[in-house]
């Protein structure tokens, strides 16, 4: 509630009674009053503008925090994969059953194929033979059931280790694809601008499906691992 305009002559009369020394006319007091009101309005508007700027900066800062969180998550899962960030499921695809890995990346649930049980067991045995997986004996029975796997924590952990590598491949393939697309898009832009030199490459991001299934055949899955091991281990 705004205050009423004061009676300036009353102010002077009261000041006279207390033997004050306001030797001015009431019109002078009115000018000061109006000037103070104008300053208050100006400062109020300035404060409002600054609050909007601060709010906008806070929103931008929060957006950057989310991007940084996703970036650190991508860094972790693409170069420092850990098995406790994936879960295993057993699904039927067409006429066969496959072990699949589920994990979250950039706020979405992803799903990649690990392989059929015999192929996954064969990969585990190869990794044990090459001392990638240690303190675990090779599995002789390639036809264990999903129920038996769930009853064996050591075997489950070994499969999760492979699943984490599959998730790693999933992310890295998409990062490489995005990078290639960014280079190609910038090359086209520079060519249209009569500038054939690419000075900087920007990291693009595509809208990605929530569930991604790798349709590679089981044998190819083994070949992929052998190639990955030669190049990375």
C-alpha atoms as a PDB file:
ATOM      1  CA  UNK A   1       0.000   0.000   0.000  1.00  0.00           C
ATOM      2  CA  UNK A   2       1.452   3.321  -1.080  1.00  0.00           C
ATOM      3  CA  UNK A   3       1.755   6.096   1.427  1.00  0.00           C
ATOM      4  CA  UNK A   4      -0.187   9.319   0.919  1.00  0.00           C
ATOM      5  CA  UNK A   5       1.624  12.471  -0.132  1.00  0.00           C
ATOM      6  CA  UNK A   6       2.843  14.233   3.011  1.00  0.00           C
ATOM      7  CA  UNK A   7       1.764  17.751   3.962  1.00  0.00           C
ATOM      8  CA  UNK A   8       4.934  19.704   3.356  1.00  0.00           C
ATOM      9  CA  UNK A   9       3.781  22.811   5.232  1.00  0.00           C
ATOM     10  CA  UNK A  10       3.073  20.628   8.290  1.00  0.00           C
ATOM     11  CA  UNK A  11       6.647  19.337   8.132  1.00  0.00           C
ATOM     12  CA  UNK A  12       7.922  22.922   8.225  1.00  0.00           C
ATOM     13  CA  UNK A  13       5.576  23.880  11.049  1.00  0.00           C
ATOM     14  CA  UNK A  14       6.687  20.896  13.141  1.00  0.00           C
ATOM     15  CA  UNK A  15      10.309  21.704  12.425  1.00  0.00           C
ATOM     16  CA  UNK A  16       9.719  25.260  13.610  1.00  0.00           C
ATOM     17  CA  UNK A  17       8.204  24.000  16.869  1.00  0.00           C
ATOM     18  CA  UNK A  18      11.319  21.954  17.665  1.00  0.00           C
ATOM     19  CA  UNK A  19      13.419  25.005  16.832  1.00  0.00           C
ATOM     20  CA  UNK A  20      14.763  23.364  13.672  1.00  0.00           C
ATOM     21  CA  UNK A  21      16.559  25.171  10.908  1.00  0.00           C
ATOM     22  CA  UNK A  22      14.704  24.114   7.749  1.00  0.00           C
ATOM     23  CA  UNK A  23      14.599  27.551   6.236  1.00  0.00           C
ATOM     24  CA  UNK A  24      12.949  26.523   2.974  1.00  0.00           C
ATOM     25  CA  UNK A  25       9.571  26.736   1.311  1.00  0.00           C
ATOM     26  CA  UNK A  26       7.237  23.775   1.141  1.00  0.00           C
ATOM     27  CA  UNK A  27       7.743  23.741  -2.664  1.00  0.00           C
ATOM     28  CA  UNK A  28      11.392  22.838  -2.090  1.00  0.00           C
ATOM     29  CA  UNK A  29      10.379  19.882   0.030  1.00  0.00           C
ATOM     30  CA  UNK A  30       7.980  18.813  -2.693  1.00  0.00           C
ATOM     31  CA  UNK A  31      10.782  18.823  -5.280  1.00  0.00           C
ATOM     32  CA  UNK A  32      12.926  16.596  -3.029  1.00  0.00           C
ATOM     33  CA  UNK A  33       9.969  14.281  -2.478  1.00  0.00           C
ATOM     34  CA  UNK A  34       9.304  13.938  -6.225  1.00  0.00           C
ATOM     35  CA  UNK A  35      13.020  13.407  -6.971  1.00  0.00           C
ATOM     36  CA  UNK A  36      13.244  10.636  -4.385  1.00  0.00           C
ATOM     37  CA  UNK A  37      10.195   8.939  -5.871  1.00  0.00           C
ATOM     38  CA  UNK A  38      11.708   9.082  -9.352  1.00  0.00           C
ATOM     39  CA  UNK A  39      14.965   7.614  -8.039  1.00  0.00           C
ATOM     40  CA  UNK A  40      13.058   4.835  -6.309  1.00  0.00           C
ATOM     41  CA  UNK A  41      11.209   3.946  -9.526  1.00  0.00           C
ATOM     42  CA  UNK A  42      14.459   4.000 -11.514  1.00  0.00           C
ATOM     43  CA  UNK A  43      16.264   1.839  -8.960  1.00  0.00           C
ATOM     44  CA  UNK A  44      13.304  -0.542  -8.726  1.00  0.00           C
ATOM     45  CA  UNK A  45      13.379  -1.047 -12.504  1.00  0.00           C
ATOM     46  CA  UNK A  46      17.142  -1.495 -12.416  1.00  0.00           C
ATOM     47  CA  UNK A  47      16.814  -4.060  -9.634  1.00  0.00           C
ATOM     48  CA  UNK A  48      14.167  -5.936 -11.619  1.00  0.00           C
ATOM     49  CA  UNK A  49      16.415  -6.023 -14.681  1.00  0.00           C
ATOM     50  CA  UNK A  50      19.340  -7.311 -12.659  1.00  0.00           C
ATOM     51  CA  UNK A  51      17.162  -9.991 -11.065  1.00  0.00           C
ATOM     52  CA  UNK A  52      16.090 -11.143 -14.532  1.00  0.00           C
ATOM     53  CA  UNK A  53      19.724 -11.249 -15.651  1.00  0.00           C
ATOM     54  CA  UNK A  54      20.701 -13.234 -12.559  1.00  0.00           C
ATOM     55  CA  UNK A  55      17.782 -15.634 -13.055  1.00  0.00           C
ATOM     56  CA  UNK A  56      18.770 -16.109 -16.685  1.00  0.00           C
ATOM     57  CA  UNK A  57      22.383 -16.723 -15.680  1.00  0.00           C
ATOM     58  CA  UNK A  58      21.280 -19.255 -13.062  1.00  0.00           C
ATOM     59  CA  UNK A  59      19.227 -21.085 -15.718  1.00  0.00           C
ATOM     60  CA  UNK A  60      22.224 -21.077 -18.043  1.00  0.00           C
ATOM     61  CA  UNK A  61      24.459 -22.334 -15.235  1.00  0.00           C
ATOM     62  CA  UNK A  62      22.021 -25.151 -14.455  1.00  0.00           C
ATOM     63  CA  UNK A  63      21.898 -26.090 -18.143  1.00  0.00           C
ATOM     64  CA  UNK A  64      25.694 -26.212 -18.243  1.00  0.00           C
ATOM     65  CA  UNK A  65      25.690 -28.404 -15.120  1.00  0.00           C
ATOM     66  CA  UNK A  66      23.375 -30.886 -16.863  1.00  0.00           C
ATOM     67  CA  UNK A  67      25.565 -30.902 -19.980  1.00  0.00           C
ATOM     68  CA  UNK A  68      28.671 -31.390 -17.854  1.00  0.00           C
ATOM     69  CA  UNK A  69      26.993 -34.250 -15.994  1.00  0.00           C
ATOM     70  CA  UNK A  70      26.188 -35.955 -19.307  1.00  0.00           C
ATOM     71  CA  UNK A  71      29.695 -35.283 -20.580  1.00  0.00           C
ATOM     72  CA  UNK A  72      31.318 -36.809 -17.475  1.00  0.00           C
ATOM     73  CA  UNK A  73      28.957 -39.756 -17.743  1.00  0.00           C
ATOM     74  CA  UNK A  74      29.977 -40.232 -21.381  1.00  0.00           C
ATOM     75  CA  UNK A  75      33.654 -39.947 -20.457  1.00  0.00           C
ATOM     76  CA  UNK A  76      33.235 -42.573 -17.731  1.00  0.00           C
ATOM     77  CA  UNK A  77      31.223 -45.071 -19.758  1.00  0.00           C
ATOM     78  CA  UNK A  78      33.217 -44.720 -22.968  1.00  0.00           C
ATOM     79  CA  UNK A  79      36.736 -44.867 -21.503  1.00  0.00           C
ATOM     80  CA  UNK A  80      36.363 -46.262 -17.963  1.00  0.00           C
ATOM     81  CA  UNK A  81      33.505 -48.797 -18.272  1.00  0.00           C
ATOM     82  CA  UNK A  82      32.420 -50.529 -15.090  1.00  0.00           C
ATOM     83  CA  UNK A  83      30.090 -53.498 -14.900  1.00  0.00           C
ATOM     84  CA  UNK A  84      27.919 -52.200 -12.060  1.00  0.00           C
ATOM     85  CA  UNK A  85      26.459 -49.610 -14.426  1.00  0.00           C
ATOM     86  CA  UNK A  86      24.777 -52.230 -16.620  1.00  0.00           C
ATOM     87  CA  UNK A  87      22.039 -54.776 -16.002  1.00  0.00           C
ATOM     88  CA  UNK A  88      21.442 -58.042 -17.844  1.00  0.00           C
ATOM     89  CA  UNK A  89      18.220 -59.283 -19.421  1.00  0.00           C
ATOM     90  CA  UNK A  90      17.418 -62.397 -21.431  1.00  0.00           C
ATOM     91  CA  UNK A  91      15.145 -61.760 -24.397  1.00  0.00           C
ATOM     92  CA  UNK A  92      13.818 -63.663 -27.353  1.00  0.00           C
ATOM     93  CA  UNK A  93      14.611 -62.117 -30.716  1.00  0.00           C
ATOM     94  CA  UNK A  94      12.883 -63.832 -33.625  1.00  0.00           C
ATOM     95  CA  UNK A  95      13.489 -67.539 -32.949  1.00  0.00           C
ATOM     96  CA  UNK A  96      16.507 -67.236 -30.641  1.00  0.00           C
ATOM     97  CA  UNK A  97      17.235 -65.969 -27.146  1.00  0.00           C
ATOM     98  CA  UNK A  98      19.985 -63.463 -26.434  1.00  0.00           C
ATOM     99  CA  UNK A  99      21.570 -61.842 -23.419  1.00  0.00           C
ATOM    100  CA  UNK A 100      21.203 -58.094 -23.625  1.00  0.00           C
ATOM    101  CA  UNK A 101      22.683 -55.251 -21.627  1.00  0.00           C
ATOM    102  CA  UNK A 102      20.663 -52.316 -20.372  1.00  0.00           C
ATOM    103  CA  UNK A 103      22.249 -49.080 -19.270  1.00  0.00           C
ATOM    104  CA  UNK A 104      21.505 -45.377 -19.073  1.00  0.00           C
ATOM    105  CA  UNK A 105      23.257 -42.786 -21.167  1.00  0.00           C
ATOM    106  CA  UNK A 106      22.362 -39.103 -21.505  1.00  0.00           C
ATOM    107  CA  UNK A 107      19.139 -39.580 -19.595  1.00  0.00           C
ATOM    108  CA  UNK A 108      17.818 -42.422 -21.765  1.00  0.00           C
ATOM    109  CA  UNK A 109      17.714 -46.172 -21.312  1.00  0.00           C
ATOM    110  CA  UNK A 110      19.785 -48.018 -23.893  1.00  0.00           C
ATOM    111  CA  UNK A 111      19.843 -51.677 -24.810  1.00  0.00           C
ATOM    112  CA  UNK A 112      22.549 -53.575 -26.706  1.00  0.00           C
ATOM    113  CA  UNK A 113      22.935 -57.219 -27.558  1.00  0.00           C
ATOM    114  CA  UNK A 114      25.668 -59.170 -25.790  1.00  0.00           C
ATOM    115  CA  UNK A 115      25.070 -62.498 -27.533  1.00  0.00           C
ATOM    116  CA  UNK A 116      23.569 -65.937 -27.124  1.00  0.00           C
ATOM    117  CA  UNK A 117      24.564 -67.886 -24.033  1.00  0.00           C
ATOM    118  CA  UNK A 118      27.011 -70.246 -25.863  1.00  0.00           C
ATOM    119  CA  UNK A 119      28.746 -67.348 -27.623  1.00  0.00           C
ATOM    120  CA  UNK A 120      28.969 -65.285 -24.406  1.00  0.00           C
ATOM    121  CA  UNK A 121      30.443 -68.265 -22.535  1.00  0.00           C
ATOM    122  CA  UNK A 122      32.939 -68.757 -25.362  1.00  0.00           C
ATOM    123  CA  UNK A 123      33.963 -65.067 -25.105  1.00  0.00           C
ATOM    124  CA  UNK A 124      34.395 -65.457 -21.335  1.00  0.00           C
ATOM    125  CA  UNK A 125      36.631 -68.496 -21.872  1.00  0.00           C
ATOM    126  CA  UNK A 126      38.720 -66.562 -24.405  1.00  0.00           C
ATOM    127  CA  UNK A 127      39.098 -63.682 -21.956  1.00  0.00           C
ATOM    128  CA  UNK A 128      40.095 -66.091 -19.181  1.00  0.00           C
ATOM    129  CA  UNK A 129      42.650 -67.755 -21.487  1.00  0.00           C
ATOM    130  CA  UNK A 130      44.119 -64.351 -22.349  1.00  0.00           C
ATOM    131  CA  UNK A 131      44.103 -63.313 -18.669  1.00  0.00           C
ATOM    132  CA  UNK A 132      41.706 -60.446 -19.198  1.00  0.00           C
ATOM    133  CA  UNK A 133      39.397 -62.113 -16.670  1.00  0.00           C
ATOM    134  CA  UNK A 134      41.338 -63.577 -13.759  1.00  0.00           C
ATOM    135  CA  UNK A 135      40.554 -65.748 -10.732  1.00  0.00           C
ATOM    136  CA  UNK A 136      37.851 -67.574 -12.665  1.00  0.00           C
ATOM    137  CA  UNK A 137      37.998 -71.031 -14.234  1.00  0.00           C
ATOM    138  CA  UNK A 138      36.891 -71.604 -17.787  1.00  0.00           C
ATOM    139  CA  UNK A 139      33.298 -72.740 -18.231  1.00  0.00           C
ATOM    140  CA  UNK A 140      33.143 -76.169 -19.825  1.00  0.00           C
ATOM    141  CA  UNK A 141      29.397 -76.277 -20.373  1.00  0.00           C
ATOM    142  CA  UNK A 142      28.467 -73.815 -23.142  1.00  0.00           C
ATOM    143  CA  UNK A 143      24.767 -74.644 -22.837  1.00  0.00           C
ATOM    144  CA  UNK A 144      24.068 -73.487 -19.308  1.00  0.00           C
ATOM    145  CA  UNK A 145      20.606 -72.071 -18.762  1.00  0.00           C
ATOM    146  CA  UNK A 146      19.720 -68.489 -17.887  1.00  0.00           C
ATOM    147  CA  UNK A 147      18.513 -69.734 -14.512  1.00  0.00           C
ATOM    148  CA  UNK A 148      21.884 -71.353 -13.815  1.00  0.00           C
ATOM    149  CA  UNK A 149      23.648 -68.125 -14.761  1.00  0.00           C
ATOM    150  CA  UNK A 150      21.541 -66.165 -12.298  1.00  0.00           C
ATOM    151  CA  UNK A 151      22.540 -68.591  -9.548  1.00  0.00           C
ATOM    152  CA  UNK A 152      26.245 -68.000 -10.232  1.00  0.00           C
ATOM    153  CA  UNK A 153      27.391 -64.518  -9.099  1.00  0.00           C
ATOM    154  CA  UNK A 154      30.884 -65.042 -10.555  1.00  0.00           C
ATOM    155  CA  UNK A 155      29.498 -65.969 -13.974  1.00  0.00           C
ATOM    156  CA  UNK A 156      27.025 -63.097 -13.850  1.00  0.00           C
ATOM    157  CA  UNK A 157      29.842 -60.667 -13.045  1.00  0.00           C
ATOM    158  CA  UNK A 158      31.880 -61.980 -15.987  1.00  0.00           C
ATOM    159  CA  UNK A 159      28.937 -61.445 -18.350  1.00  0.00           C
ATOM    160  CA  UNK A 160      28.406 -57.953 -16.943  1.00  0.00           C
ATOM    161  CA  UNK A 161      32.050 -57.210 -17.662  1.00  0.00           C
ATOM    162  CA  UNK A 162      31.483 -58.121 -21.311  1.00  0.00           C
ATOM    163  CA  UNK A 163      28.218 -56.173 -21.314  1.00  0.00           C
ATOM    164  CA  UNK A 164      30.058 -53.067 -20.094  1.00  0.00           C
ATOM    165  CA  UNK A 165      32.442 -53.406 -23.052  1.00  0.00           C
ATOM    166  CA  UNK A 166      29.452 -53.711 -25.395  1.00  0.00           C
ATOM    167  CA  UNK A 167      27.987 -50.542 -23.881  1.00  0.00           C
ATOM    168  CA  UNK A 168      31.373 -48.879 -24.330  1.00  0.00           C
ATOM    169  CA  UNK A 169      31.371 -49.792 -28.029  1.00  0.00           C
ATOM    170  CA  UNK A 170      27.813 -48.489 -28.406  1.00  0.00           C
ATOM    171  CA  UNK A 171      28.762 -45.073 -27.042  1.00  0.00           C
ATOM    172  CA  UNK A 172      32.074 -44.798 -28.865  1.00  0.00           C
ATOM    173  CA  UNK A 173      30.492 -45.710 -32.210  1.00  0.00           C
ATOM    174  CA  UNK A 174      27.953 -42.941 -31.798  1.00  0.00           C
ATOM    175  CA  UNK A 175      30.557 -40.413 -30.720  1.00  0.00           C
ATOM    176  CA  UNK A 176      32.644 -41.285 -33.768  1.00  0.00           C
ATOM    177  CA  UNK A 177      29.584 -41.038 -36.006  1.00  0.00           C
ATOM    178  CA  UNK A 178      28.700 -37.640 -34.568  1.00  0.00           C
ATOM    179  CA  UNK A 179      32.256 -36.447 -35.070  1.00  0.00           C
ATOM    180  CA  UNK A 180      32.303 -37.594 -38.693  1.00  0.00           C
ATOM    181  CA  UNK A 181      28.936 -35.930 -39.314  1.00  0.00           C
ATOM    182  CA  UNK A 182      30.210 -32.707 -37.781  1.00  0.00           C
ATOM    183  CA  UNK A 183      33.305 -32.754 -39.990  1.00  0.00           C
ATOM    184  CA  UNK A 184      31.220 -33.465 -43.100  1.00  0.00           C
ATOM    185  CA  UNK A 185      28.663 -30.772 -42.270  1.00  0.00           C
ATOM    186  CA  UNK A 186      31.359 -28.195 -41.649  1.00  0.00           C
ATOM    187  CA  UNK A 187      33.137 -29.169 -44.863  1.00  0.00           C
ATOM    188  CA  UNK A 188      29.924 -28.625 -46.845  1.00  0.00           C
ATOM    189  CA  UNK A 189      29.351 -25.278 -45.111  1.00  0.00           C
ATOM    190  CA  UNK A 190      32.924 -24.122 -45.791  1.00  0.00           C
ATOM    191  CA  UNK A 191      32.702 -25.246 -49.394  1.00  0.00           C
ATOM    192  CA  UNK A 192      29.524 -23.229 -49.906  1.00  0.00           C
ATOM    193  CA  UNK A 193      31.242 -20.270 -48.302  1.00  0.00           C
ATOM    194  CA  UNK A 194      34.205 -20.641 -50.716  1.00  0.00           C
ATOM    195  CA  UNK A 195      36.404 -21.581 -47.808  1.00  0.00           C
ATOM    196  CA  UNK A 196      37.862 -25.063 -48.153  1.00  0.00           C
ATOM    197  CA  UNK A 197      39.818 -24.951 -44.889  1.00  0.00           C
ATOM    198  CA  UNK A 198      38.258 -26.572 -41.845  1.00  0.00           C
ATOM    199  CA  UNK A 199      39.582 -24.653 -38.864  1.00  0.00           C
ATOM    200  CA  UNK A 200      37.654 -26.286 -36.047  1.00  0.00           C
ATOM    201  CA  UNK A 201      35.560 -29.374 -35.547  1.00  0.00           C
ATOM    202  CA  UNK A 202      32.452 -29.182 -33.389  1.00  0.00           C
ATOM    203  CA  UNK A 203      30.931 -32.108 -31.576  1.00  0.00           C
ATOM    204  CA  UNK A 204      27.399 -32.717 -32.805  1.00  0.00           C
ATOM    205  CA  UNK A 205      24.689 -34.632 -30.985  1.00  0.00           C
ATOM    206  CA  UNK A 206      21.943 -36.573 -32.669  1.00  0.00           C
ATOM    207  CA  UNK A 207      18.615 -37.610 -31.215  1.00  0.00           C
ATOM    208  CA  UNK A 208      19.134 -41.195 -30.279  1.00  0.00           C
ATOM    209  CA  UNK A 209      16.597 -43.938 -29.852  1.00  0.00           C
ATOM    210  CA  UNK A 210      15.881 -45.132 -26.356  1.00  0.00           C
ATOM    211  CA  UNK A 211      16.523 -48.787 -27.174  1.00  0.00           C
ATOM    212  CA  UNK A 212      19.247 -49.886 -29.538  1.00  0.00           C
ATOM    213  CA  UNK A 213      19.706 -53.535 -30.553  1.00  0.00           C
ATOM    214  CA  UNK A 214      22.861 -54.812 -32.167  1.00  0.00           C
ATOM    215  CA  UNK A 215      21.769 -57.288 -34.862  1.00  0.00           C
ATOM    216  CA  UNK A 216      25.290 -58.643 -35.451  1.00  0.00           C
ATOM    217  CA  UNK A 217      25.373 -62.424 -35.661  1.00  0.00           C
ATOM    218  CA  UNK A 218      26.951 -64.310 -32.769  1.00  0.00           C
ATOM    219  CA  UNK A 219      30.004 -65.335 -34.774  1.00  0.00           C
ATOM    220  CA  UNK A 220      30.625 -61.735 -35.728  1.00  0.00           C
ATOM    221  CA  UNK A 221      30.390 -60.884 -32.042  1.00  0.00           C
ATOM    222  CA  UNK A 222      33.370 -63.135 -31.377  1.00  0.00           C
ATOM    223  CA  UNK A 223      35.261 -61.643 -34.295  1.00  0.00           C
ATOM    224  CA  UNK A 224      34.523 -58.162 -32.981  1.00  0.00           C
ATOM    225  CA  UNK A 225      35.938 -59.045 -29.564  1.00  0.00           C
ATOM    226  CA  UNK A 226      39.091 -60.552 -31.037  1.00  0.00           C
ATOM    227  CA  UNK A 227      39.612 -57.430 -33.144  1.00  0.00           C
ATOM    228  CA  UNK A 228      38.857 -55.155 -30.164  1.00  0.00           C
ATOM    229  CA  UNK A 229      41.302 -57.071 -27.972  1.00  0.00           C
ATOM    230  CA  UNK A 230      44.113 -56.833 -30.551  1.00  0.00           C
ATOM    231  CA  UNK A 231      43.615 -53.106 -30.863  1.00  0.00           C
ATOM    232  CA  UNK A 232      43.007 -52.211 -27.234  1.00  0.00           C
ATOM    233  CA  UNK A 233      44.693 -54.732 -24.929  1.00  0.00           C
END
